[in-house]
């Protein structure tokens, strides 16, 4: 289930972007890469999405950016 205001399915695309980066990725870079793949989302929507992935244990956020801890089921 996607957080309010977040298009369905975009979580998997965002997680794939972070995974493919092979490390830490800043939010703005995630937004740019989502748009390059044809998925437009607001910064507020991305924040809600990343909050959900963090609470679910899939990602963590550090001063450097977002890092994948484990892929979604």
PDB file of N, CA and C in Angstrom:
ATOM      1  N   UNK A   1       0.841  -1.182   0.000  1.00  0.00           N
ATOM      2  CA  UNK A   1       0.000   0.000   0.000  1.00  0.00           C
ATOM      3  C   UNK A   1       0.884   1.243   0.000  1.00  0.00           C
ATOM      4  N   UNK A   2       0.582   2.192  -0.840  1.00  0.00           N
ATOM      5  CA  UNK A   2       1.357   3.421  -0.946  1.00  0.00           C
ATOM      6  C   UNK A   2       0.848   4.466   0.035  1.00  0.00           C
ATOM      7  N   UNK A   3       1.769   5.292   0.553  1.00  0.00           N
ATOM      8  CA  UNK A   3       1.326   6.399   1.413  1.00  0.00           C
ATOM      9  C   UNK A   3       0.420   7.349   0.638  1.00  0.00           C
ATOM     10  N   UNK A   4      -0.367   8.135   1.343  1.00  0.00           N
ATOM     11  CA  UNK A   4      -1.284   9.090   0.727  1.00  0.00           C
ATOM     12  C   UNK A   4      -0.548  10.050  -0.194  1.00  0.00           C
ATOM     13  N   UNK A   5      -1.063  10.213  -1.403  1.00  0.00           N
ATOM     14  CA  UNK A   5      -0.478  11.137  -2.358  1.00  0.00           C
ATOM     15  C   UNK A   5       0.700  10.580  -3.133  1.00  0.00           C
ATOM     16  N   UNK A   6       0.994   9.298  -2.969  1.00  0.00           N
ATOM     17  CA  UNK A   6       2.109   8.664  -3.664  1.00  0.00           C
ATOM     18  C   UNK A   6       1.542   7.677  -4.686  1.00  0.00           C
ATOM     19  N   UNK A   7       1.917   7.822  -5.962  1.00  0.00           N
ATOM     20  CA  UNK A   7       1.385   6.916  -6.983  1.00  0.00           C
ATOM     21  C   UNK A   7       1.710   5.451  -6.680  1.00  0.00           C
ATOM     22  N   UNK A   8       0.753   4.550  -6.889  1.00  0.00           N
ATOM     23  CA  UNK A   8       1.003   3.128  -6.661  1.00  0.00           C
ATOM     24  C   UNK A   8       2.173   2.632  -7.512  1.00  0.00           C
ATOM     25  N   UNK A   9       2.981   1.775  -6.925  1.00  0.00           N
ATOM     26  CA  UNK A   9       4.089   1.167  -7.655  1.00  0.00           C
ATOM     27  C   UNK A   9       5.373   1.971  -7.658  1.00  0.00           C
ATOM     28  N   UNK A  10       5.310   3.223  -7.268  1.00  0.00           N
ATOM     29  CA  UNK A  10       6.511   4.055  -7.335  1.00  0.00           C
ATOM     30  C   UNK A  10       7.519   3.668  -6.253  1.00  0.00           C
ATOM     31  N   UNK A  11       7.045   3.055  -5.160  1.00  0.00           N
ATOM     32  CA  UNK A  11       7.968   2.607  -4.117  1.00  0.00           C
ATOM     33  C   UNK A  11       9.013   1.662  -4.682  1.00  0.00           C
ATOM     34  N   UNK A  12       8.567   0.688  -5.465  1.00  0.00           N
ATOM     35  CA  UNK A  12       9.498  -0.287  -6.033  1.00  0.00           C
ATOM     36  C   UNK A  12      10.499   0.374  -6.972  1.00  0.00           C
ATOM     37  N   UNK A  13      10.052   1.362  -7.722  1.00  0.00           N
ATOM     38  CA  UNK A  13      10.952   2.076  -8.640  1.00  0.00           C
ATOM     39  C   UNK A  13      11.972   2.875  -7.836  1.00  0.00           C
ATOM     40  N   UNK A  14      11.521   3.561  -6.791  1.00  0.00           N
ATOM     41  CA  UNK A  14      12.429   4.356  -5.962  1.00  0.00           C
ATOM     42  C   UNK A  14      13.455   3.468  -5.275  1.00  0.00           C
ATOM     43  N   UNK A  15      13.024   2.328  -4.766  1.00  0.00           N
ATOM     44  CA  UNK A  15      13.951   1.407  -4.111  1.00  0.00           C
ATOM     45  C   UNK A  15      14.951   0.853  -5.116  1.00  0.00           C
ATOM     46  N   UNK A  16      14.509   0.564  -6.321  1.00  0.00           N
ATOM     47  CA  UNK A  16      15.424   0.076  -7.360  1.00  0.00           C
ATOM     48  C   UNK A  16      16.476   1.140  -7.687  1.00  0.00           C
ATOM     49  N   UNK A  17      16.081   2.394  -7.695  1.00  0.00           N
ATOM     50  CA  UNK A  17      17.015   3.492  -7.970  1.00  0.00           C
ATOM     51  C   UNK A  17      18.083   3.550  -6.886  1.00  0.00           C
ATOM     52  N   UNK A  18      17.669   3.470  -5.628  1.00  0.00           N
ATOM     53  CA  UNK A  18      18.639   3.497  -4.529  1.00  0.00           C
ATOM     54  C   UNK A  18      19.530   2.259  -4.587  1.00  0.00           C
ATOM     55  N   UNK A  19      18.944   1.103  -4.848  1.00  0.00           N
ATOM     56  CA  UNK A  19      19.728  -0.136  -4.953  1.00  0.00           C
ATOM     57  C   UNK A  19      20.752  -0.045  -6.072  1.00  0.00           C
ATOM     58  N   UNK A  20      20.326   0.437  -7.232  1.00  0.00           N
ATOM     59  CA  UNK A  20      21.219   0.531  -8.385  1.00  0.00           C
ATOM     60  C   UNK A  20      22.354   1.528  -8.170  1.00  0.00           C
ATOM     61  N   UNK A  21      22.137   2.498  -7.274  1.00  0.00           N
ATOM     62  CA  UNK A  21      23.183   3.478  -6.975  1.00  0.00           C
ATOM     63  C   UNK A  21      24.339   2.814  -6.226  1.00  0.00           C
ATOM     64  N   UNK A  22      24.047   1.704  -5.561  1.00  0.00           N
ATOM     65  CA  UNK A  22      25.098   0.964  -4.879  1.00  0.00           C
ATOM     66  C   UNK A  22      25.639   1.638  -3.631  1.00  0.00           C
ATOM     67  N   UNK A  23      24.899   2.546  -3.086  1.00  0.00           N
ATOM     68  CA  UNK A  23      25.355   3.241  -1.880  1.00  0.00           C
ATOM     69  C   UNK A  23      24.298   4.204  -1.406  1.00  0.00           C
ATOM     70  N   UNK A  24      24.731   5.414  -1.117  1.00  0.00           N
ATOM     71  CA  UNK A  24      23.851   6.439  -0.574  1.00  0.00           C
ATOM     72  C   UNK A  24      23.458   7.403  -1.682  1.00  0.00           C
ATOM     73  N   UNK A  25      22.210   7.832  -1.665  1.00  0.00           N
ATOM     74  CA  UNK A  25      21.698   8.729  -2.697  1.00  0.00           C
ATOM     75  C   UNK A  25      20.861   9.819  -2.034  1.00  0.00           C
ATOM     76  N   UNK A  26      21.096  11.057  -2.419  1.00  0.00           N
ATOM     77  CA  UNK A  26      20.328  12.186  -1.873  1.00  0.00           C
ATOM     78  C   UNK A  26      18.924  12.204  -2.475  1.00  0.00           C
ATOM     79  N   UNK A  27      17.999  12.826  -1.747  1.00  0.00           N
ATOM     80  CA  UNK A  27      16.599  12.888  -2.182  1.00  0.00           C
ATOM     81  C   UNK A  27      16.456  13.535  -3.557  1.00  0.00           C
ATOM     82  N   UNK A  28      17.152  14.634  -3.792  1.00  0.00           N
ATOM     83  CA  UNK A  28      17.041  15.318  -5.096  1.00  0.00           C
ATOM     84  C   UNK A  28      17.501  14.414  -6.229  1.00  0.00           C
ATOM     85  N   UNK A  29      18.530  13.621  -5.988  1.00  0.00           N
ATOM     86  CA  UNK A  29      19.005  12.677  -7.005  1.00  0.00           C
ATOM     87  C   UNK A  29      17.952  11.606  -7.265  1.00  0.00           C
ATOM     88  N   UNK A  30      17.271  11.162  -6.210  1.00  0.00           N
ATOM     89  CA  UNK A  30      16.200  10.172  -6.390  1.00  0.00           C
ATOM     90  C   UNK A  30      15.085  10.779  -7.225  1.00  0.00           C
ATOM     91  N   UNK A  31      14.699  12.027  -6.912  1.00  0.00           N
ATOM     92  CA  UNK A  31      13.657  12.704  -7.698  1.00  0.00           C
ATOM     93  C   UNK A  31      14.048  12.800  -9.170  1.00  0.00           C
ATOM     94  N   UNK A  32      15.290  13.188  -9.443  1.00  0.00           N
ATOM     95  CA  UNK A  32      15.756  13.316 -10.831  1.00  0.00           C
ATOM     96  C   UNK A  32      15.714  11.983 -11.557  1.00  0.00           C
ATOM     97  N   UNK A  33      16.173  10.938 -10.895  1.00  0.00           N
ATOM     98  CA  UNK A  33      16.195   9.620 -11.537  1.00  0.00           C
ATOM     99  C   UNK A  33      14.791   9.061 -11.734  1.00  0.00           C
ATOM    100  N   UNK A  34      13.890   9.356 -10.792  1.00  0.00           N
ATOM    101  CA  UNK A  34      12.493   8.951 -10.994  1.00  0.00           C
ATOM    102  C   UNK A  34      11.929   9.629 -12.241  1.00  0.00           C
ATOM    103  N   UNK A  35      12.182  10.929 -12.366  1.00  0.00           N
ATOM    104  CA  UNK A  35      11.661  11.656 -13.525  1.00  0.00           C
ATOM    105  C   UNK A  35      12.279  11.129 -14.826  1.00  0.00           C
ATOM    106  N   UNK A  36      13.553  10.777 -14.809  1.00  0.00           N
ATOM    107  CA  UNK A  36      14.201  10.214 -15.992  1.00  0.00           C
ATOM    108  C   UNK A  36      13.533   8.906 -16.415  1.00  0.00           C
ATOM    109  N   UNK A  37      12.981   8.195 -15.453  1.00  0.00           N
ATOM    110  CA  UNK A  37      12.293   6.926 -15.734  1.00  0.00           C
ATOM    111  C   UNK A  37      10.801   7.123 -15.990  1.00  0.00           C
ATOM    112  N   UNK A  38      10.364   8.384 -16.046  1.00  0.00           N
ATOM    113  CA  UNK A  38       8.976   8.668 -16.376  1.00  0.00           C
ATOM    114  C   UNK A  38       8.029   8.702 -15.197  1.00  0.00           C
ATOM    115  N   UNK A  39       8.566   8.832 -13.995  1.00  0.00           N
ATOM    116  CA  UNK A  39       7.749   8.872 -12.774  1.00  0.00           C
ATOM    117  C   UNK A  39       7.955  10.217 -12.098  1.00  0.00           C
ATOM    118  N   UNK A  40       6.953  11.049 -12.151  1.00  0.00           N
ATOM    119  CA  UNK A  40       7.038  12.366 -11.517  1.00  0.00           C
ATOM    120  C   UNK A  40       6.349  12.302 -10.155  1.00  0.00           C
ATOM    121  N   UNK A  41       7.045  12.829  -9.146  1.00  0.00           N
ATOM    122  CA  UNK A  41       6.512  12.871  -7.784  1.00  0.00           C
ATOM    123  C   UNK A  41       7.049  14.148  -7.142  1.00  0.00           C
ATOM    124  N   UNK A  42       6.275  14.716  -6.262  1.00  0.00           N
ATOM    125  CA  UNK A  42       6.717  15.925  -5.567  1.00  0.00           C
ATOM    126  C   UNK A  42       7.720  15.545  -4.475  1.00  0.00           C
ATOM    127  N   UNK A  43       8.458  16.541  -4.005  1.00  0.00           N
ATOM    128  CA  UNK A  43       9.379  16.303  -2.895  1.00  0.00           C
ATOM    129  C   UNK A  43       8.591  15.862  -1.656  1.00  0.00           C
ATOM    130  N   UNK A  44       7.426  16.457  -1.433  1.00  0.00           N
ATOM    131  CA  UNK A  44       6.589  16.051  -0.293  1.00  0.00           C
ATOM    132  C   UNK A  44       6.160  14.588  -0.430  1.00  0.00           C
ATOM    133  N   UNK A  45       5.797  14.174  -1.640  1.00  0.00           N
ATOM    134  CA  UNK A  45       5.419  12.783  -1.873  1.00  0.00           C
ATOM    135  C   UNK A  45       6.591  11.845  -1.648  1.00  0.00           C
ATOM    136  N   UNK A  46       7.769  12.252  -2.109  1.00  0.00           N
ATOM    137  CA  UNK A  46       8.966  11.440  -1.892  1.00  0.00           C
ATOM    138  C   UNK A  46       9.268  11.340  -0.402  1.00  0.00           C
ATOM    139  N   UNK A  47       9.103  12.437   0.318  1.00  0.00           N
ATOM    140  CA  UNK A  47       9.333  12.413   1.758  1.00  0.00           C
ATOM    141  C   UNK A  47       8.406  11.413   2.437  1.00  0.00           C
ATOM    142  N   UNK A  48       7.126  11.395   2.052  1.00  0.00           N
ATOM    143  CA  UNK A  48       6.175  10.429   2.621  1.00  0.00           C
ATOM    144  C   UNK A  48       6.578   9.002   2.265  1.00  0.00           C
ATOM    145  N   UNK A  49       6.973   8.804   1.025  1.00  0.00           N
ATOM    146  CA  UNK A  49       7.401   7.483   0.568  1.00  0.00           C
ATOM    147  C   UNK A  49       8.628   7.009   1.349  1.00  0.00           C
ATOM    148  N   UNK A  50       9.627   7.872   1.489  1.00  0.00           N
ATOM    149  CA  UNK A  50      10.846   7.487   2.206  1.00  0.00           C
ATOM    150  C   UNK A  50      10.584   7.278   3.687  1.00  0.00           C
ATOM    151  N   UNK A  51       9.645   8.013   4.254  1.00  0.00           N
ATOM    152  CA  UNK A  51       9.273   7.791   5.648  1.00  0.00           C
ATOM    153  C   UNK A  51       8.674   6.395   5.809  1.00  0.00           C
ATOM    154  N   UNK A  52       7.841   6.002   4.862  1.00  0.00           N
ATOM    155  CA  UNK A  52       7.230   4.667   4.904  1.00  0.00           C
ATOM    156  C   UNK A  52       8.291   3.577   4.731  1.00  0.00           C
ATOM    157  N   UNK A  53       9.235   3.756   3.810  1.00  0.00           N
ATOM    158  CA  UNK A  53      10.267   2.728   3.611  1.00  0.00           C
ATOM    159  C   UNK A  53      11.207   2.661   4.812  1.00  0.00           C
ATOM    160  N   UNK A  54      11.454   3.800   5.461  1.00  0.00           N
ATOM    161  CA  UNK A  54      12.298   3.815   6.662  1.00  0.00           C
ATOM    162  C   UNK A  54      11.597   3.088   7.810  1.00  0.00           C
ATOM    163  N   UNK A  55      10.314   3.397   8.031  1.00  0.00           N
ATOM    164  CA  UNK A  55       9.573   2.742   9.106  1.00  0.00           C
ATOM    165  C   UNK A  55       9.434   1.243   8.866  1.00  0.00           C
ATOM    166  N   UNK A  56       9.409   0.824   7.607  1.00  0.00           N
ATOM    167  CA  UNK A  56       9.291  -0.594   7.259  1.00  0.00           C
ATOM    168  C   UNK A  56      10.627  -1.319   7.319  1.00  0.00           C
ATOM    169  N   UNK A  57      11.713  -0.571   7.528  1.00  0.00           N
ATOM    170  CA  UNK A  57      13.032  -1.193   7.640  1.00  0.00           C
ATOM    171  C   UNK A  57      13.733  -1.440   6.322  1.00  0.00           C
ATOM    172  N   UNK A  58      13.241  -0.860   5.227  1.00  0.00           N
ATOM    173  CA  UNK A  58      13.869  -1.064   3.924  1.00  0.00           C
ATOM    174  C   UNK A  58      14.999  -0.085   3.665  1.00  0.00           C
ATOM    175  N   UNK A  59      14.872   1.134   4.204  1.00  0.00           N
ATOM    176  CA  UNK A  59      15.891   2.152   3.988  1.00  0.00           C
ATOM    177  C   UNK A  59      16.258   2.807   5.307  1.00  0.00           C
ATOM    178  N   UNK A  60      17.388   3.497   5.287  1.00  0.00           N
ATOM    179  CA  UNK A  60      17.753   4.371   6.391  1.00  0.00           C
ATOM    180  C   UNK A  60      18.241   5.671   5.786  1.00  0.00           C
ATOM    181  N   UNK A  61      18.153   6.726   6.571  1.00  0.00           N
ATOM    182  CA  UNK A  61      18.620   8.019   6.107  1.00  0.00           C
ATOM    183  C   UNK A  61      19.736   8.501   7.007  1.00  0.00           C
ATOM    184  N   UNK A  62      20.811   8.931   6.371  1.00  0.00           N
ATOM    185  CA  UNK A  62      21.952   9.474   7.079  1.00  0.00           C
ATOM    186  C   UNK A  62      22.173  10.898   6.581  1.00  0.00           C
ATOM    187  N   UNK A  63      23.174  11.554   7.112  1.00  0.00           N
ATOM    188  CA  UNK A  63      23.498  12.909   6.652  1.00  0.00           C
ATOM    189  C   UNK A  63      23.878  12.902   5.179  1.00  0.00           C
ATOM    190  N   UNK A  64      24.378  11.776   4.677  1.00  0.00           N
ATOM    191  CA  UNK A  64      24.783  11.663   3.270  1.00  0.00           C
ATOM    192  C   UNK A  64      23.610  11.406   2.329  1.00  0.00           C
ATOM    193  N   UNK A  65      22.531  10.820   2.849  1.00  0.00           N
ATOM    194  CA  UNK A  65      21.372  10.531   2.009  1.00  0.00           C
ATOM    195  C   UNK A  65      20.674   9.243   2.409  1.00  0.00           C
ATOM    196  N   UNK A  66      20.004   8.628   1.432  1.00  0.00           N
ATOM    197  CA  UNK A  66      19.189   7.434   1.645  1.00  0.00           C
ATOM    198  C   UNK A  66      19.984   6.205   1.229  1.00  0.00           C
ATOM    199  N   UNK A  67      19.934   5.171   2.081  1.00  0.00           N
ATOM    200  CA  UNK A  67      20.647   3.917   1.808  1.00  0.00           C
ATOM    201  C   UNK A  67      19.663   2.761   1.949  1.00  0.00           C
ATOM    202  N   UNK A  68      19.769   1.778   1.079  1.00  0.00           N
ATOM    203  CA  UNK A  68      18.913   0.597   1.133  1.00  0.00           C
ATOM    204  C   UNK A  68      19.466  -0.366   2.177  1.00  0.00           C
ATOM    205  N   UNK A  69      18.597  -0.830   3.067  1.00  0.00           N
ATOM    206  CA  UNK A  69      18.966  -1.832   4.067  1.00  0.00           C
ATOM    207  C   UNK A  69      18.587  -3.233   3.594  1.00  0.00           C
ATOM    208  N   UNK A  70      17.381  -3.334   3.027  1.00  0.00           N
ATOM    209  CA  UNK A  70      16.920  -4.617   2.480  1.00  0.00           C
ATOM    210  C   UNK A  70      15.858  -4.329   1.436  1.00  0.00           C
ATOM    211  N   UNK A  71      15.748  -5.189   0.443  1.00  0.00           N
ATOM    212  CA  UNK A  71      14.721  -4.977  -0.579  1.00  0.00           C
ATOM    213  C   UNK A  71      13.332  -5.310  -0.039  1.00  0.00           C
ATOM    214  N   UNK A  72      12.300  -4.701  -0.620  1.00  0.00           N
ATOM    215  CA  UNK A  72      10.933  -5.016  -0.184  1.00  0.00           C
ATOM    216  C   UNK A  72      10.558  -6.434  -0.562  1.00  0.00           C
ATOM    217  N   UNK A  73       9.574  -7.007   0.150  1.00  0.00           N
ATOM    218  CA  UNK A  73       9.147  -8.382  -0.158  1.00  0.00           C
ATOM    219  C   UNK A  73       8.475  -8.476  -1.509  1.00  0.00           C
TER     220      UNK A  73
END
